N, C-alpha and C. Protein backbone atom coordinates (compact mmCIF):
# COMPACT_ATOMS: atom_id res chain seq x y z
N MET A 1 0.79 -1.16 0.00
CA MET A 1 0.01 0.00 0.00
C MET A 1 0.86 1.26 -0.01
N TYR A 2 0.46 2.20 -0.79
CA TYR A 2 1.21 3.44 -0.92
C TYR A 2 0.70 4.45 0.09
N GLU A 3 1.66 5.02 0.84
CA GLU A 3 1.30 6.07 1.80
C GLU A 3 1.72 7.43 1.24
N GLU A 4 0.90 8.37 1.43
CA GLU A 4 1.21 9.76 1.04
C GLU A 4 2.39 10.24 1.89
N PRO A 5 3.43 10.87 1.27
CA PRO A 5 4.56 11.35 2.08
C PRO A 5 4.07 12.42 3.08
N GLY A 6 4.66 12.36 4.22
CA GLY A 6 4.30 13.33 5.28
C GLY A 6 4.94 14.67 4.99
N ILE A 7 4.62 15.65 5.78
CA ILE A 7 5.13 17.01 5.59
C ILE A 7 6.66 17.05 5.72
N LEU A 8 7.23 16.24 6.60
CA LEU A 8 8.68 16.19 6.79
C LEU A 8 9.38 15.75 5.51
N GLU A 9 8.86 14.69 4.89
CA GLU A 9 9.47 14.20 3.66
C GLU A 9 9.33 15.21 2.53
N GLN A 10 8.20 15.89 2.47
CA GLN A 10 7.99 16.89 1.42
C GLN A 10 8.95 18.08 1.59
N VAL A 11 9.13 18.51 2.82
CA VAL A 11 10.03 19.63 3.09
C VAL A 11 11.48 19.23 2.79
N MET A 12 11.85 18.00 3.14
CA MET A 12 13.22 17.54 2.90
C MET A 12 13.59 17.60 1.41
N TRP A 13 12.64 17.27 0.55
CA TRP A 13 12.93 17.30 -0.89
C TRP A 13 13.13 18.71 -1.41
N VAL A 14 12.69 19.71 -0.68
CA VAL A 14 12.86 21.10 -1.07
C VAL A 14 14.07 21.71 -0.39
N VAL A 15 14.16 21.49 0.92
CA VAL A 15 15.21 22.15 1.71
C VAL A 15 16.59 21.58 1.44
N LEU A 16 16.71 20.27 1.38
CA LEU A 16 18.02 19.65 1.23
C LEU A 16 18.72 20.07 -0.08
N PRO A 17 18.06 19.94 -1.25
CA PRO A 17 18.74 20.41 -2.47
C PRO A 17 19.04 21.90 -2.45
N ALA A 18 18.17 22.69 -1.87
CA ALA A 18 18.40 24.13 -1.81
C ALA A 18 19.59 24.44 -0.92
N SER A 19 19.72 23.74 0.20
CA SER A 19 20.84 24.02 1.09
C SER A 19 22.16 23.56 0.48
N VAL A 20 22.13 22.45 -0.22
CA VAL A 20 23.37 22.00 -0.90
C VAL A 20 23.75 22.97 -1.99
N MET A 21 22.79 23.45 -2.76
CA MET A 21 23.10 24.45 -3.80
C MET A 21 23.59 25.73 -3.16
N GLY A 22 23.03 26.11 -2.02
CA GLY A 22 23.46 27.30 -1.33
C GLY A 22 24.93 27.21 -0.89
N VAL A 23 25.31 26.07 -0.42
CA VAL A 23 26.71 25.87 -0.01
C VAL A 23 27.62 25.99 -1.23
N PHE A 24 27.26 25.36 -2.33
CA PHE A 24 28.10 25.44 -3.52
C PHE A 24 28.17 26.86 -4.07
N ILE A 25 27.06 27.58 -4.06
CA ILE A 25 27.08 28.95 -4.53
C ILE A 25 27.94 29.81 -3.60
N GLY A 26 27.79 29.63 -2.29
CA GLY A 26 28.61 30.40 -1.35
C GLY A 26 30.11 30.12 -1.53
N LEU A 27 30.45 28.86 -1.69
CA LEU A 27 31.87 28.52 -1.89
C LEU A 27 32.39 29.07 -3.22
N SER A 28 31.54 29.06 -4.23
CA SER A 28 31.94 29.60 -5.52
C SER A 28 32.18 31.09 -5.45
N VAL A 29 31.31 31.81 -4.77
CA VAL A 29 31.49 33.26 -4.59
C VAL A 29 32.76 33.54 -3.80
N PHE A 30 33.00 32.80 -2.71
CA PHE A 30 34.18 32.98 -1.91
C PHE A 30 35.44 32.71 -2.73
N ALA A 31 35.46 31.62 -3.48
CA ALA A 31 36.62 31.27 -4.30
C ALA A 31 36.87 32.35 -5.35
N GLY A 32 35.79 32.84 -5.96
CA GLY A 32 35.96 33.90 -6.97
C GLY A 32 36.54 35.16 -6.35
N MET A 33 36.08 35.53 -5.19
CA MET A 33 36.61 36.72 -4.52
C MET A 33 38.08 36.50 -4.15
N TYR A 34 38.41 35.33 -3.64
CA TYR A 34 39.77 35.01 -3.23
C TYR A 34 40.73 35.12 -4.42
N PHE A 35 40.39 34.47 -5.51
CA PHE A 35 41.26 34.49 -6.67
C PHE A 35 41.29 35.86 -7.32
N GLY A 36 40.19 36.57 -7.29
CA GLY A 36 40.19 37.94 -7.84
C GLY A 36 41.12 38.85 -7.07
N VAL A 37 41.05 38.79 -5.76
CA VAL A 37 41.93 39.63 -4.93
C VAL A 37 43.39 39.18 -5.11
N SER A 38 43.63 37.89 -5.21
CA SER A 38 45.01 37.39 -5.39
C SER A 38 45.58 37.91 -6.69
N ILE A 39 44.82 37.84 -7.75
CA ILE A 39 45.32 38.31 -9.06
C ILE A 39 45.56 39.81 -9.04
N ALA A 40 44.63 40.56 -8.40
CA ALA A 40 44.78 42.02 -8.33
C ALA A 40 46.05 42.38 -7.54
N LEU A 41 46.30 41.70 -6.42
CA LEU A 41 47.50 41.99 -5.63
C LEU A 41 48.78 41.64 -6.37
N LYS A 42 48.76 40.54 -7.10
CA LYS A 42 49.96 40.15 -7.87
C LYS A 42 50.25 41.18 -8.95
N ARG A 43 49.20 41.65 -9.63
CA ARG A 43 49.41 42.66 -10.68
C ARG A 43 49.91 43.97 -10.08
N TRP A 44 49.33 44.36 -8.94
CA TRP A 44 49.75 45.60 -8.29
C TRP A 44 51.21 45.51 -7.84
N ALA A 45 51.60 44.37 -7.28
CA ALA A 45 52.97 44.20 -6.79
C ALA A 45 53.95 44.19 -7.98
N ALA A 46 53.57 43.55 -9.06
CA ALA A 46 54.45 43.51 -10.24
C ALA A 46 54.63 44.92 -10.81
N ARG A 47 53.54 45.67 -10.86
CA ARG A 47 53.62 47.03 -11.37
C ARG A 47 54.46 47.91 -10.46
N ALA A 48 54.30 47.75 -9.16
CA ALA A 48 55.08 48.54 -8.21
C ALA A 48 56.57 48.17 -8.30
N TYR A 49 56.86 46.90 -8.50
CA TYR A 49 58.26 46.48 -8.61
C TYR A 49 58.88 47.01 -9.89
N GLU A 50 58.17 46.96 -10.98
CA GLU A 50 58.70 47.44 -12.26
C GLU A 50 58.91 48.94 -12.26
N SER A 51 58.04 49.67 -11.58
CA SER A 51 58.12 51.13 -11.62
C SER A 51 59.11 51.70 -10.60
N SER A 52 59.61 50.86 -9.70
CA SER A 52 60.54 51.39 -8.72
C SER A 52 61.84 51.74 -9.42
N GLU A 53 62.22 52.99 -9.27
CA GLU A 53 63.43 53.43 -9.96
C GLU A 53 64.64 53.16 -9.06
N THR A 54 65.71 52.80 -9.69
CA THR A 54 66.94 52.57 -8.93
C THR A 54 67.83 53.79 -9.12
N ARG A 55 68.37 54.23 -8.02
CA ARG A 55 69.25 55.41 -8.08
C ARG A 55 70.65 54.97 -7.72
N SER A 56 71.61 55.68 -8.25
CA SER A 56 73.00 55.33 -7.95
C SER A 56 73.37 55.90 -6.59
N ALA A 57 74.44 55.38 -6.02
CA ALA A 57 74.89 55.81 -4.70
C ALA A 57 75.25 57.31 -4.69
N PRO A 58 75.95 57.84 -5.71
CA PRO A 58 76.22 59.28 -5.67
C PRO A 58 74.96 60.14 -5.68
N GLU A 59 73.92 59.69 -6.40
CA GLU A 59 72.65 60.43 -6.39
C GLU A 59 72.02 60.43 -5.01
N ILE A 60 72.09 59.29 -4.34
CA ILE A 60 71.49 59.18 -3.00
C ILE A 60 72.20 60.08 -2.01
N ILE A 61 73.54 60.10 -2.02
CA ILE A 61 74.22 60.93 -1.06
C ILE A 61 74.05 62.41 -1.38
N ARG A 62 73.93 62.76 -2.67
CA ARG A 62 73.66 64.16 -3.03
C ARG A 62 72.29 64.59 -2.50
N GLU A 63 71.30 63.72 -2.65
CA GLU A 63 69.95 64.04 -2.14
C GLU A 63 69.94 64.16 -0.62
N ARG A 64 70.66 63.27 0.03
CA ARG A 64 70.69 63.34 1.51
C ARG A 64 71.40 64.62 1.98
N TYR A 65 72.43 65.02 1.27
CA TYR A 65 73.14 66.27 1.60
C TYR A 65 72.22 67.46 1.35
N ALA A 66 71.50 67.43 0.25
CA ALA A 66 70.60 68.53 -0.10
C ALA A 66 69.46 68.66 0.92
N ARG A 67 69.00 67.54 1.47
CA ARG A 67 67.94 67.59 2.48
C ARG A 67 68.48 67.91 3.86
N GLY A 68 69.79 67.93 4.03
CA GLY A 68 70.37 68.24 5.32
C GLY A 68 70.49 67.04 6.24
N GLU A 69 70.37 65.86 5.70
CA GLU A 69 70.45 64.67 6.53
C GLU A 69 71.90 64.35 6.93
N ILE A 70 72.85 64.77 6.11
CA ILE A 70 74.26 64.55 6.43
C ILE A 70 75.00 65.87 6.29
N SER A 71 76.09 65.99 7.02
CA SER A 71 76.90 67.20 6.98
C SER A 71 77.77 67.21 5.73
N ARG A 72 78.40 68.36 5.49
CA ARG A 72 79.29 68.49 4.33
C ARG A 72 80.47 67.51 4.49
N ARG A 73 80.97 67.40 5.72
CA ARG A 73 82.10 66.51 5.97
C ARG A 73 81.69 65.05 5.67
N GLU A 74 80.51 64.65 6.13
CA GLU A 74 80.04 63.28 5.85
C GLU A 74 79.82 63.07 4.35
N TYR A 75 79.28 64.11 3.68
CA TYR A 75 79.07 64.01 2.25
C TYR A 75 80.39 63.80 1.50
N GLU A 76 81.37 64.63 1.86
CA GLU A 76 82.68 64.52 1.19
C GLU A 76 83.31 63.16 1.44
N GLN A 77 83.23 62.67 2.68
CA GLN A 77 83.80 61.37 3.01
C GLN A 77 83.13 60.26 2.20
N LEU A 78 81.81 60.27 2.17
CA LEU A 78 81.07 59.25 1.41
C LEU A 78 81.40 59.32 -0.08
N ARG A 79 81.49 60.54 -0.62
CA ARG A 79 81.80 60.70 -2.03
C ARG A 79 83.21 60.18 -2.33
N GLU A 80 84.18 60.49 -1.47
CA GLU A 80 85.54 59.99 -1.66
C GLU A 80 85.60 58.46 -1.56
N ASP A 81 84.85 57.91 -0.60
CA ASP A 81 84.83 56.44 -0.47
C ASP A 81 84.25 55.80 -1.73
N LEU A 82 83.24 56.41 -2.29
CA LEU A 82 82.65 55.84 -3.51
C LEU A 82 83.61 55.93 -4.69
N GLU A 83 84.26 57.08 -4.81
CA GLU A 83 85.21 57.25 -5.92
C GLU A 83 86.39 56.31 -5.78
N ALA A 84 86.86 56.07 -4.57
CA ALA A 84 88.00 55.20 -4.35
C ALA A 84 87.59 53.73 -4.40
N GLY A 85 86.33 53.48 -4.13
CA GLY A 85 85.86 52.10 -4.10
C GLY A 85 86.36 51.33 -2.91
N SER A 86 86.75 52.06 -1.85
CA SER A 86 87.34 51.41 -0.70
C SER A 86 86.30 50.74 0.20
N GLN A 87 85.11 51.32 0.30
CA GLN A 87 84.11 50.78 1.21
C GLN A 87 82.75 50.84 0.55
N PRO A 88 81.89 49.95 0.90
CA PRO A 88 80.52 50.07 0.42
C PRO A 88 79.85 51.23 1.16
N LEU A 89 78.89 51.84 0.50
CA LEU A 89 78.15 52.94 1.10
C LEU A 89 77.22 52.45 2.20
N THR A 90 77.43 52.98 3.39
CA THR A 90 76.53 52.65 4.49
C THR A 90 75.99 53.94 5.05
N GLN A 91 74.77 53.94 5.42
CA GLN A 91 74.18 55.14 6.01
C GLN A 91 74.50 55.19 7.48
N PRO A 92 74.96 56.35 7.97
CA PRO A 92 75.23 56.46 9.41
C PRO A 92 73.93 56.38 10.17
N ARG A 93 73.99 55.66 11.29
CA ARG A 93 72.79 55.52 12.13
C ARG A 93 72.57 56.76 12.97
N ARG A 94 71.34 57.17 13.04
CA ARG A 94 71.00 58.32 13.88
C ARG A 94 70.26 57.85 15.11
N ALA A 95 70.52 58.48 16.21
CA ALA A 95 69.87 58.10 17.46
C ALA A 95 68.49 58.69 17.55
């Protein structure tokens, strides 16, 4: 004998597939956002890396002297060291 499905069985056939689809849709949206942000950050980092200009050591010490970060004596010493090639350029530490 065939029994009519109860309300619980009827609801299960609607709720269960909808909840499973909801989980897949939610995961798909999350994955899309994750990969979208990842790609955007990679492009931004690559562009920032490519656009960073490299300056030579004499340019850097000239700029530091012009801004008043180093004294004339320090500037001359650094410039002489660079011309002689005796030491690598190191910035003096400030307290």
